[in-house]
Amino acid sequence: MIKYKLIVYWSNEDQAFIVEVPELPGCMADGKSYQEAVANAEIIIQEWLETARELKGR
């Protein structure tokens, strides 16, 4: 299992927790709670990696 650093912060503008994954450019998620934001980030990380693998195979 590959581990990634998650940067989690509250956005007053969005009224949501934002998660950035610095090692994966453009990979971000959000959620109404800290836990929801992190869970969404885990899904987005997998989707980001799948897309990268597909594009690499072209």
Protein backbone atom coordinates (compact mmCIF):
# COMPACT_ATOMS: atom_id res chain seq x y z
CA MET A 1 0.00 0.00 0.00
CA ILE A 2 1.37 3.37 -1.02
CA LYS A 3 0.89 6.16 1.51
CA TYR A 4 0.41 9.81 0.59
CA LYS A 5 0.59 12.97 2.64
CA LEU A 6 -2.80 14.63 3.10
CA ILE A 7 -3.13 18.33 3.84
CA VAL A 8 -6.52 18.96 5.45
CA TYR A 9 -7.89 22.43 6.16
CA TRP A 10 -11.17 24.25 6.65
CA SER A 11 -12.36 26.56 3.87
CA ASN A 12 -14.63 29.36 5.08
CA GLU A 13 -15.44 30.17 1.46
CA ASP A 14 -16.66 26.63 0.71
CA GLN A 15 -17.85 25.85 4.25
CA ALA A 16 -16.14 22.47 3.92
CA PHE A 17 -12.96 20.62 4.80
CA ILE A 18 -10.55 20.50 1.86
CA VAL A 19 -7.95 17.77 1.37
CA GLU A 20 -4.94 18.21 -0.93
CA VAL A 21 -2.59 15.40 -1.93
CA PRO A 22 0.70 17.17 -2.78
CA GLU A 23 2.36 14.14 -4.47
CA LEU A 24 -0.52 13.84 -6.98
CA PRO A 25 -0.94 17.11 -8.91
CA GLY A 26 -4.52 18.36 -8.92
CA CYS A 27 -5.70 15.63 -6.55
CA MET A 28 -8.12 17.23 -4.08
CA ALA A 29 -11.32 16.33 -2.27
CA ASP A 30 -13.73 17.95 0.13
CA GLY A 31 -16.35 17.05 2.71
CA LYS A 32 -18.72 18.47 5.29
CA SER A 33 -16.72 16.79 8.07
CA TYR A 34 -13.04 15.96 8.50
CA GLN A 35 -13.83 12.25 8.24
CA GLU A 36 -15.93 12.68 5.09
CA ALA A 37 -13.20 14.76 3.43
CA VAL A 38 -10.53 12.14 4.16
CA ALA A 39 -12.78 9.30 2.98
CA ASN A 40 -13.48 11.22 -0.24
CA ALA A 41 -9.74 11.81 -0.66
CA GLU A 42 -9.09 8.06 -0.45
CA ILE A 43 -11.56 7.51 -3.31
CA ILE A 44 -10.09 10.33 -5.39
CA ILE A 45 -6.54 9.03 -4.88
CA GLN A 46 -7.57 5.66 -6.31
CA GLU A 47 -9.31 7.32 -9.26
CA TRP A 48 -6.29 9.57 -9.87
CA LEU A 49 -3.96 6.54 -9.90
CA GLU A 50 -6.26 4.55 -12.22
CA THR A 51 -6.43 7.45 -14.67
CA ALA A 52 -2.65 7.88 -14.59
CA ARG A 53 -2.17 4.16 -15.35
CA GLU A 54 -4.63 4.32 -18.24
CA LEU A 55 -2.94 7.38 -19.74
CA LYS A 56 0.50 5.80 -19.34
CA GLY A 57 -0.66 2.74 -21.29
CA ARG A 58 -1.63 4.77 -24.35
